[in-house]
Amino acid sequence: PDQLVGKTFLHEHEVDGSFHRAEIIECVKNAEAITDQYLVQFGDREHTEVMNYNAIMSLLNKQIESELDDPAKAYTFKEITDHCKCNAQYEVLVEWECGEI
């Protein structure tokens, strides 16, 4: 269960159907010391939510299946780390989901 901490996944916003990146930031232990719940932080870094293991795994598996069905989706970026405008074109430095920059 601690292996999930630091993982990210896409989470669909229920209100408008948009997707937000979510990051699992820590295990939440209940009174019986069972770690089946996790604190998840969303793209705006201001909103957090406690989610259970099964819900997270369902979303992760759905994302993996989607990427396998369409290989172009597998190349997702995590964050734009820098940008500049050079000769009327924009150059963007991104951090890929795999950790490469």
C-alpha atoms as a PDB file:
ATOM      1  CA  PRO A   1       0.000   0.000   0.000  1.00  0.00           C
ATOM      2  CA  ASP A   2       2.827   2.493   0.690  1.00  0.00           C
ATOM      3  CA  GLN A   3       3.937   1.903  -2.904  1.00  0.00           C
ATOM      4  CA  LEU A   4       1.000   4.015  -4.089  1.00  0.00           C
ATOM      5  CA  VAL A   5       2.303   7.182  -2.419  1.00  0.00           C
ATOM      6  CA  GLY A   6       3.638   9.519  -5.124  1.00  0.00           C
ATOM      7  CA  LYS A   7       1.662   7.894  -7.950  1.00  0.00           C
ATOM      8  CA  THR A   8      -0.497  10.139 -10.099  1.00  0.00           C
ATOM      9  CA  PHE A   9      -3.634   9.466 -12.119  1.00  0.00           C
ATOM     10  CA  LEU A  10      -6.341  11.347 -13.961  1.00  0.00           C
ATOM     11  CA  HIS A  11      -9.578  11.946 -12.092  1.00  0.00           C
ATOM     12  CA  GLU A  12     -12.750  13.087 -13.813  1.00  0.00           C
ATOM     13  CA  HIS A  13     -14.421  16.117 -12.221  1.00  0.00           C
ATOM     14  CA  GLU A  14     -18.061  15.197 -11.594  1.00  0.00           C
ATOM     15  CA  VAL A  15     -19.458  18.692 -12.185  1.00  0.00           C
ATOM     16  CA  ASP A  16     -18.164  19.475 -15.685  1.00  0.00           C
ATOM     17  CA  GLY A  17     -16.510  16.250 -16.867  1.00  0.00           C
ATOM     18  CA  SER A  18     -13.034  17.783 -17.063  1.00  0.00           C
ATOM     19  CA  PHE A  19     -10.026  15.752 -15.947  1.00  0.00           C
ATOM     20  CA  HIS A  20      -7.622  16.752 -13.187  1.00  0.00           C
ATOM     21  CA  ARG A  21      -4.320  15.208 -12.247  1.00  0.00           C
ATOM     22  CA  ALA A  22      -4.440  13.633  -8.805  1.00  0.00           C
ATOM     23  CA  GLU A  23      -1.442  12.626  -6.705  1.00  0.00           C
ATOM     24  CA  ILE A  24      -1.512  10.188  -3.818  1.00  0.00           C
ATOM     25  CA  ILE A  25       0.337  12.014  -1.059  1.00  0.00           C
ATOM     26  CA  GLU A  26       0.009   9.765   2.007  1.00  0.00           C
ATOM     27  CA  CYS A  27      -1.595   6.717   3.589  1.00  0.00           C
ATOM     28  CA  VAL A  28      -4.356   7.403   6.079  1.00  0.00           C
ATOM     29  CA  LYS A  29      -4.496   4.865   8.895  1.00  0.00           C
ATOM     30  CA  ASN A  30      -7.809   4.282  10.580  1.00  0.00           C
ATOM     31  CA  ALA A  31      -8.376   3.214  14.194  1.00  0.00           C
ATOM     32  CA  GLU A  32      -7.588  -0.442  13.372  1.00  0.00           C
ATOM     33  CA  ALA A  33      -4.310   0.615  11.652  1.00  0.00           C
ATOM     34  CA  ILE A  34      -5.634  -0.572   8.290  1.00  0.00           C
ATOM     35  CA  THR A  35      -4.152   1.424   5.427  1.00  0.00           C
ATOM     36  CA  ASP A  36      -6.828   1.138   2.786  1.00  0.00           C
ATOM     37  CA  GLN A  37      -7.386   4.882   2.497  1.00  0.00           C
ATOM     38  CA  TYR A  38      -5.163   7.546   0.966  1.00  0.00           C
ATOM     39  CA  LEU A  39      -5.009  11.311   0.949  1.00  0.00           C
ATOM     40  CA  VAL A  40      -5.146  12.487  -2.668  1.00  0.00           C
ATOM     41  CA  GLN A  41      -4.199  15.993  -3.810  1.00  0.00           C
ATOM     42  CA  PHE A  42      -5.689  17.380  -7.010  1.00  0.00           C
ATOM     43  CA  GLY A  43      -4.196  19.546  -9.758  1.00  0.00           C
ATOM     44  CA  ASP A  44      -4.880  22.868  -8.078  1.00  0.00           C
ATOM     45  CA  ARG A  45      -2.897  21.635  -5.033  1.00  0.00           C
ATOM     46  CA  GLU A  46      -5.543  23.214  -2.810  1.00  0.00           C
ATOM     47  CA  HIS A  47      -8.137  20.460  -2.935  1.00  0.00           C
ATOM     48  CA  THR A  48      -7.543  17.143  -1.177  1.00  0.00           C
ATOM     49  CA  GLU A  49      -9.777  14.149  -0.706  1.00  0.00           C
ATOM     50  CA  VAL A  50      -9.537  10.802   1.077  1.00  0.00           C
ATOM     51  CA  MET A  51     -10.030   7.917  -1.348  1.00  0.00           C
ATOM     52  CA  ASN A  52     -10.008   4.198  -0.672  1.00  0.00           C
ATOM     53  CA  TYR A  53      -7.657   1.697  -2.281  1.00  0.00           C
ATOM     54  CA  ASN A  54     -10.289   0.084  -4.509  1.00  0.00           C
ATOM     55  CA  ALA A  55     -11.423   3.417  -5.979  1.00  0.00           C
ATOM     56  CA  ILE A  56      -7.829   4.451  -6.722  1.00  0.00           C
ATOM     57  CA  MET A  57      -6.968   1.087  -8.304  1.00  0.00           C
ATOM     58  CA  SER A  58     -10.096   1.254 -10.434  1.00  0.00           C
ATOM     59  CA  LEU A  59      -9.088   4.675 -11.777  1.00  0.00           C
ATOM     60  CA  LEU A  60      -5.461   3.597 -12.334  1.00  0.00           C
ATOM     61  CA  ASN A  61      -6.559   0.462 -14.202  1.00  0.00           C
ATOM     62  CA  LYS A  62      -9.011   2.459 -16.314  1.00  0.00           C
ATOM     63  CA  GLN A  63      -6.224   4.870 -17.260  1.00  0.00           C
ATOM     64  CA  ILE A  64      -3.829   2.026 -18.130  1.00  0.00           C
ATOM     65  CA  GLU A  65      -6.458   0.302 -20.285  1.00  0.00           C
ATOM     66  CA  SER A  66      -7.177   3.583 -22.057  1.00  0.00           C
ATOM     67  CA  GLU A  67      -3.468   4.074 -22.792  1.00  0.00           C
ATOM     68  CA  LEU A  68      -3.147   0.523 -24.113  1.00  0.00           C
ATOM     69  CA  ASP A  69      -6.141   1.054 -26.426  1.00  0.00           C
ATOM     70  CA  ASP A  70      -4.648   4.295 -27.784  1.00  0.00           C
ATOM     71  CA  PRO A  71      -0.821   4.367 -27.561  1.00  0.00           C
ATOM     72  CA  ALA A  72      -0.780   8.121 -28.288  1.00  0.00           C
ATOM     73  CA  LYS A  73      -2.347   8.698 -24.857  1.00  0.00           C
ATOM     74  CA  ALA A  74       0.605   7.011 -23.139  1.00  0.00           C
ATOM     75  CA  TYR A  75       2.772  10.073 -23.709  1.00  0.00           C
ATOM     76  CA  THR A  76       1.335  12.387 -21.106  1.00  0.00           C
ATOM     77  CA  PHE A  77       3.114  15.181 -19.342  1.00  0.00           C
ATOM     78  CA  LYS A  78       2.951  15.929 -15.665  1.00  0.00           C
ATOM     79  CA  GLU A  79       3.934  19.592 -15.635  1.00  0.00           C
ATOM     80  CA  ILE A  80       5.175  22.423 -17.853  1.00  0.00           C
ATOM     81  CA  THR A  81       8.447  23.379 -16.182  1.00  0.00           C
ATOM     82  CA  ASP A  82       9.506  26.262 -18.442  1.00  0.00           C
ATOM     83  CA  HIS A  83       8.604  28.075 -21.655  1.00  0.00           C
ATOM     84  CA  CYS A  84       9.836  30.840 -23.927  1.00  0.00           C
ATOM     85  CA  LYS A  85       8.937  32.494 -27.217  1.00  0.00           C
ATOM     86  CA  CYS A  86      11.681  32.214 -29.820  1.00  0.00           C
ATOM     87  CA  ASN A  87      11.240  33.622 -33.331  1.00  0.00           C
ATOM     88  CA  ALA A  88       7.426  33.647 -33.209  1.00  0.00           C
ATOM     89  CA  GLN A  89       7.339  30.058 -31.927  1.00  0.00           C
ATOM     90  CA  TYR A  90       6.877  28.805 -28.414  1.00  0.00           C
ATOM     91  CA  GLU A  91       9.295  26.344 -26.891  1.00  0.00           C
ATOM     92  CA  VAL A  92       7.989  24.386 -23.937  1.00  0.00           C
ATOM     93  CA  LEU A  93       9.974  22.297 -21.469  1.00  0.00           C
ATOM     94  CA  VAL A  94       7.812  19.605 -19.923  1.00  0.00           C
ATOM     95  CA  GLU A  95       8.216  16.955 -17.279  1.00  0.00           C
ATOM     96  CA  TRP A  96       6.802  13.728 -18.674  1.00  0.00           C
ATOM     97  CA  GLU A  97       4.793  11.372 -16.496  1.00  0.00           C
ATOM     98  CA  CYS A  98       7.697   8.899 -16.606  1.00  0.00           C
ATOM     99  CA  GLY A  99       9.934  11.551 -14.946  1.00  0.00           C
ATOM    100  CA  GLU A 100      11.955  12.592 -17.998  1.00  0.00           C
ATOM    101  CA  ILE A 101      12.347  16.293 -18.809  1.00  0.00           C
END
